[in-house]
Amino acid sequence: MKFTINRADLLRSLNHVHSVVERRNTIPILANVMLRVEKDSLSLTTTDMDLEIVESVAAKASATGATTVPAHTLYDIVRKLEDDAMVEISSTAGDTTLLVKSGKSAFRLGCLPTEDFPKMGSSEKFSYSFALSADDLRTLIDRTRFAISNEETRYYLNGIYLHAAESGGVPVLRAVATDGHRLARFEMPLPDGAKDMLGVIIPRKAVNEIRKLIDEAGDTIEISLSENKMKFSFDHISLTTKLIDGTFPDYDRVIPKNNEKMLEVDPAIFALAV
């Protein structure tokens, strides 16, 4: 494997994928990013067994191949290179090291075999598929994620509950999060393909990762759903996450009905006063 890539392109992709990797790992391969070169494309993959990010970026390949190297170490090296530098990365078949060269700098990183790298979403069959605009998904997350619980004992509250519902006889896509003290609910028109979709709980880590990624996303995000996994795809990035296996509580029961006392305030003035 041998390729040359612009430092800015490589850094941007590593910045997207390396945050999935936990700093402390009992399984060494999970600390690594898998680099796969095919034709003029470099694919980077990281996973923690519950969440996987795959991103493709243009690269000039001299020889195809694949290997895995420590994600945080490679990110730190690339981050400290000069802004407009070109980076040459190479390894030979059966070699246990990766050579990273740029200008007068050269680094050797230890590799682990790609056969040990876990695969999450490659063979998954998704039952539902629909599209949301980046703005809609960003709003959905921002309006609810602050209420996600951090209490690990009630693990079914450690995410956003997403499901199809009805509001005033109109089908909607509804997101709900609660920590037992406060509850956030947000809904939008039900997108095509989401009718009768399963109610799913998206884990907090996946919510935070997709929120960071969509700041640089294009207009549309494709969402695929199965019984235990969810996939977000846009541009040259895909994020696949396992869903929380649990039953979200009946949140409608805790929302007060038939309120007699209603107060309407200007949100900007109210926020300023608080």
Protein backbone atom coordinates (compact mmCIF):
# COMPACT_ATOMS: atom_id res chain seq x y z
CA MET A 1 0.00 0.00 0.00
CA LYS A 2 1.32 3.42 -0.96
CA PHE A 3 -0.45 6.74 -1.53
CA THR A 4 -0.01 10.51 -1.38
CA ILE A 5 -2.63 12.85 0.04
CA ASN A 6 -3.00 16.51 0.89
CA ARG A 7 -2.50 17.12 4.61
CA ALA A 8 -5.72 19.20 4.92
CA ASP A 9 -7.87 16.44 3.36
CA LEU A 10 -6.36 13.73 5.54
CA LEU A 11 -6.66 15.83 8.71
CA ARG A 12 -10.33 16.62 8.02
CA SER A 13 -11.18 12.94 7.58
CA LEU A 14 -9.18 11.86 10.62
CA ASN A 15 -10.90 14.57 12.66
CA HIS A 16 -14.26 13.05 11.69
CA VAL A 17 -13.41 9.43 12.51
CA HIS A 18 -10.88 9.47 15.36
CA SER A 19 -13.31 10.71 18.04
CA VAL A 20 -15.14 7.35 17.93
CA VAL A 21 -12.00 5.63 19.25
CA GLU A 22 -11.86 5.42 23.03
CA ARG A 23 -8.60 6.53 24.66
CA ARG A 24 -8.54 3.42 26.87
CA ASN A 25 -9.13 0.13 25.12
CA THR A 26 -8.85 -3.42 26.39
CA ILE A 27 -8.97 -4.65 22.77
CA PRO A 28 -5.92 -3.24 20.91
CA ILE A 29 -7.48 -3.30 17.42
CA LEU A 30 -10.25 -0.91 18.57
CA ALA A 31 -7.61 1.79 19.12
CA ASN A 32 -6.80 1.71 15.40
CA VAL A 33 -8.15 3.29 12.23
CA MET A 34 -8.34 1.06 9.16
CA LEU A 35 -6.84 2.62 6.03
CA ARG A 36 -7.86 1.06 2.72
CA VAL A 37 -6.58 2.36 -0.62
CA GLU A 38 -8.43 1.52 -3.83
CA LYS A 39 -7.67 3.30 -7.14
CA ASP A 40 -7.64 7.03 -6.26
CA SER A 41 -9.60 6.80 -3.03
CA LEU A 42 -8.64 6.35 0.62
CA SER A 43 -11.21 4.87 3.00
CA LEU A 44 -10.88 5.43 6.77
CA THR A 45 -12.86 3.31 9.23
CA THR A 46 -13.07 3.43 13.04
CA THR A 47 -15.34 1.59 15.46
CA ASP A 48 -15.92 0.93 19.16
CA MET A 49 -18.13 -2.14 18.40
CA ASP A 50 -21.29 -0.06 18.97
CA LEU A 51 -20.59 2.76 16.52
CA GLU A 52 -18.76 2.80 13.19
CA ILE A 53 -17.74 5.69 10.93
CA VAL A 54 -16.49 5.19 7.37
CA GLU A 55 -15.25 8.10 5.27
CA SER A 56 -13.75 8.21 1.77
CA VAL A 57 -11.36 10.90 0.55
CA ALA A 58 -9.45 11.45 -2.68
CA ALA A 59 -5.82 10.27 -2.68
CA LYS A 60 -3.17 9.53 -5.30
CA ALA A 61 -2.47 5.80 -5.02
CA SER A 62 0.75 4.12 -6.19
CA ALA A 63 -0.21 0.73 -4.74
CA THR A 64 -3.51 -0.50 -3.28
CA GLY A 65 -3.86 -2.30 0.04
CA ALA A 66 -5.09 -1.97 3.61
CA THR A 67 -3.77 -1.83 7.16
CA THR A 68 -4.69 -0.50 10.61
CA VAL A 69 -2.71 1.99 12.73
CA PRO A 70 -3.31 3.80 16.04
CA ALA A 71 -5.94 6.45 15.29
CA HIS A 72 -5.01 9.08 17.88
CA THR A 73 -1.27 8.82 17.13
CA LEU A 74 -1.80 9.27 13.38
CA TYR A 75 -4.18 12.19 14.01
CA ASP A 76 -1.64 13.93 16.28
CA ILE A 77 1.12 13.50 13.69
CA VAL A 78 -0.94 14.87 10.79
CA ARG A 79 -2.28 17.73 12.92
CA LYS A 80 1.25 19.03 13.57
CA LEU A 81 2.40 18.96 9.94
CA GLU A 82 2.54 22.16 7.88
CA ASP A 83 -0.78 23.36 6.48
CA ASP A 84 -0.08 22.92 2.77
CA ALA A 85 2.05 19.78 3.11
CA MET A 86 1.68 16.60 1.07
CA VAL A 87 1.77 13.37 3.07
CA GLU A 88 3.14 10.09 1.71
CA ILE A 89 1.99 6.94 3.51
CA SER A 90 3.23 3.45 2.68
CA SER A 91 3.46 -0.11 3.96
CA THR A 92 4.49 -3.34 2.29
CA ALA A 93 2.53 -6.59 2.29
CA GLY A 94 3.16 -8.44 5.53
CA ASP A 95 4.95 -5.43 7.02
CA THR A 96 4.03 -4.62 10.61
CA THR A 97 4.83 -0.93 10.30
CA LEU A 98 3.44 2.07 8.42
CA LEU A 99 5.74 4.80 7.15
CA VAL A 100 4.42 8.39 7.20
CA LYS A 101 6.58 10.95 5.37
CA SER A 102 6.13 14.67 4.86
CA GLY A 103 8.92 17.10 4.00
CA LYS A 104 11.88 16.26 6.21
CA SER A 105 9.77 14.36 8.74
CA ALA A 106 9.30 10.59 8.83
CA PHE A 107 7.37 8.44 11.30
CA ARG A 108 6.95 4.69 11.70
CA LEU A 109 3.76 3.38 13.31
CA GLY A 110 3.00 -0.18 14.40
CA CYS A 111 0.24 -1.93 12.46
CA LEU A 112 -2.27 -4.65 13.28
CA PRO A 113 -3.81 -6.98 10.65
CA THR A 114 -7.05 -5.88 8.96
CA GLU A 115 -8.49 -9.37 9.48
CA ASP A 116 -8.85 -8.57 13.20
CA PHE A 117 -10.74 -5.33 12.55
CA PRO A 118 -14.47 -5.74 13.40
CA LYS A 119 -17.12 -5.08 10.73
CA MET A 120 -20.49 -3.64 11.71
CA GLY A 121 -22.78 -2.57 8.91
CA SER A 122 -21.50 -4.33 5.79
CA SER A 123 -24.04 -7.20 5.75
CA GLU A 124 -26.92 -5.46 7.55
CA LYS A 125 -30.35 -5.43 5.86
CA PHE A 126 -32.24 -2.23 6.58
CA SER A 127 -36.05 -2.36 6.57
CA TYR A 128 -36.75 1.38 6.41
CA SER A 129 -35.07 4.17 4.51
CA PHE A 130 -35.88 7.88 4.36
CA ALA A 131 -34.16 11.23 3.90
CA LEU A 132 -33.94 14.34 6.08
CA SER A 133 -32.35 17.67 5.32
CA ALA A 134 -29.25 18.52 7.34
CA ASP A 135 -31.10 21.50 8.86
CA ASP A 136 -34.04 19.34 9.99
CA LEU A 137 -31.80 16.70 11.59
CA ARG A 138 -29.70 19.40 13.25
CA THR A 139 -32.83 21.02 14.71
CA LEU A 140 -34.25 17.66 15.84
CA ILE A 141 -31.06 16.86 17.76
CA ASP A 142 -30.56 20.34 19.24
CA ARG A 143 -34.15 20.50 20.52
CA THR A 144 -33.92 17.20 22.40
CA ARG A 145 -30.40 16.00 23.26
CA PHE A 146 -29.97 18.31 26.26
CA ALA A 147 -32.56 16.19 28.11
CA ILE A 148 -30.79 12.84 27.53
CA SER A 149 -30.06 11.07 30.81
CA ASN A 150 -26.48 10.33 31.95
CA GLU A 151 -27.67 7.76 34.49
CA GLU A 152 -26.35 4.39 33.31
CA THR A 153 -28.73 2.32 35.46
CA ARG A 154 -31.70 3.52 33.38
CA TYR A 155 -29.90 2.83 30.13
CA TYR A 156 -33.09 3.15 28.06
CA LEU A 157 -33.04 6.91 28.79
CA ASN A 158 -29.47 7.32 27.48
CA GLY A 159 -30.56 8.41 24.01
CA ILE A 160 -33.20 10.02 21.79
CA TYR A 161 -36.39 8.06 21.15
CA LEU A 162 -37.34 8.45 17.48
CA HIS A 163 -40.66 7.15 16.13
CA ALA A 164 -43.58 7.78 13.80
CA ALA A 165 -46.65 9.25 15.51
CA GLU A 166 -49.74 11.36 14.88
CA SER A 167 -50.34 14.94 15.95
CA GLY A 168 -53.83 16.35 15.32
CA GLY A 169 -54.46 13.57 12.81
CA VAL A 170 -51.29 14.42 10.86
CA PRO A 171 -48.43 11.86 10.68
CA VAL A 172 -45.20 13.20 12.19
CA LEU A 173 -41.68 12.08 12.98
CA ARG A 174 -41.27 12.62 16.73
CA ALA A 175 -38.11 12.75 18.84
CA VAL A 176 -38.26 12.51 22.65
CA ALA A 177 -35.57 12.62 25.34
CA THR A 178 -35.89 12.67 29.12
CA ASP A 179 -33.73 12.23 32.21
CA GLY A 180 -36.67 11.68 34.57
CA HIS A 181 -36.78 15.35 35.64
CA ARG A 182 -37.33 17.14 32.33
CA LEU A 183 -38.66 16.00 28.98
CA ALA A 184 -38.03 17.39 25.49
CA ARG A 185 -40.30 16.51 22.57
CA PHE A 186 -39.88 17.69 18.99
CA GLU A 187 -41.79 16.70 15.86
CA MET A 188 -41.72 17.40 12.14
CA PRO A 189 -43.70 16.17 9.12
CA LEU A 190 -43.17 12.45 8.54
CA PRO A 191 -40.72 11.95 5.63
CA ASP A 192 -41.46 9.55 2.79
CA GLY A 193 -40.40 6.00 3.66
CA ALA A 194 -40.75 6.44 7.44
CA LYS A 195 -44.39 5.32 7.68
CA ASP A 196 -44.85 2.53 10.27
CA MET A 197 -41.15 2.75 11.19
CA LEU A 198 -40.03 1.09 14.41
CA GLY A 199 -39.66 3.18 17.54
CA VAL A 200 -35.89 3.29 18.19
CA ILE A 201 -33.57 4.74 20.83
CA ILE A 202 -30.44 6.33 19.34
CA PRO A 203 -27.53 6.21 21.86
CA ARG A 204 -26.09 9.44 23.24
CA LYS A 205 -22.62 8.90 21.70
CA ALA A 206 -24.10 8.35 18.24
CA VAL A 207 -26.27 11.46 18.63
CA ASN A 208 -23.22 13.58 19.52
CA GLU A 209 -21.11 12.18 16.67
CA ILE A 210 -23.76 12.69 13.99
CA ARG A 211 -24.38 16.21 15.31
CA LYS A 212 -20.71 17.07 14.79
CA LEU A 213 -20.65 15.56 11.31
CA ILE A 214 -23.75 17.29 9.93
CA ASP A 215 -22.18 20.71 10.43
CA GLU A 216 -20.17 19.89 7.30
CA ALA A 217 -22.87 17.83 5.57
CA GLY A 218 -24.57 18.54 2.27
CA ASP A 219 -28.27 19.19 1.90
CA THR A 220 -29.65 15.67 2.40
CA ILE A 221 -28.92 12.87 4.85
CA GLU A 222 -30.08 9.33 4.05
CA ILE A 223 -31.24 7.38 7.10
CA SER A 224 -31.61 3.58 7.07
CA LEU A 225 -33.11 1.55 9.89
CA SER A 226 -33.25 -2.09 10.98
CA GLU A 227 -34.34 -3.73 14.24
CA ASN A 228 -31.03 -3.12 16.00
CA LYS A 229 -29.01 -0.70 13.84
CA MET A 230 -29.33 2.73 12.26
CA LYS A 231 -27.24 4.21 9.45
CA PHE A 232 -26.71 7.86 8.48
CA SER A 233 -25.15 8.51 5.06
CA PHE A 234 -24.16 11.77 3.35
CA ASP A 235 -21.42 13.01 1.04
CA HIS A 236 -18.58 10.47 1.47
CA ILE A 237 -19.38 9.58 5.09
CA SER A 238 -21.51 6.86 6.67
CA LEU A 239 -22.16 6.39 10.39
CA THR A 240 -23.68 3.11 11.61
CA THR A 241 -24.78 2.69 15.22
CA LYS A 242 -26.30 -0.04 17.31
CA LEU A 243 -29.59 0.99 18.91
CA ILE A 244 -30.36 0.81 22.62
CA ASP A 245 -32.15 -2.46 23.32
CA GLY A 246 -34.85 -1.33 25.73
CA THR A 247 -38.36 0.06 26.04
CA PHE A 248 -38.74 3.82 26.22
CA PRO A 249 -41.31 4.86 28.87
CA ASP A 250 -44.80 6.09 27.94
CA TYR A 251 -43.88 9.77 27.95
CA ASP A 252 -47.45 10.93 27.14
CA ARG A 253 -48.53 9.98 30.67
CA VAL A 254 -46.26 12.59 32.29
CA ILE A 255 -47.21 15.49 30.02
CA PRO A 256 -49.98 17.49 31.78
CA LYS A 257 -53.32 17.57 29.94
CA ASN A 258 -56.08 20.21 29.89
CA ASN A 259 -53.97 22.99 31.36
CA GLU A 260 -56.09 25.94 32.43
CA LYS A 261 -53.22 28.35 32.98
CA MET A 262 -51.23 29.21 29.85
CA LEU A 263 -48.50 31.81 29.49
CA GLU A 264 -47.04 33.04 26.21
CA VAL A 265 -43.74 34.92 26.20
CA ASP A 266 -41.26 36.11 23.61
CA PRO A 267 -38.44 33.47 23.79
CA ALA A 268 -35.63 35.97 23.15
CA ILE A 269 -36.81 38.34 25.91
CA PHE A 270 -37.45 35.41 28.27
CA ALA A 271 -33.96 33.95 27.64
CA LEU A 272 -32.38 37.35 28.23
CA ALA A 273 -34.28 37.76 31.52
CA VAL A 274 -33.20 34.30 32.74
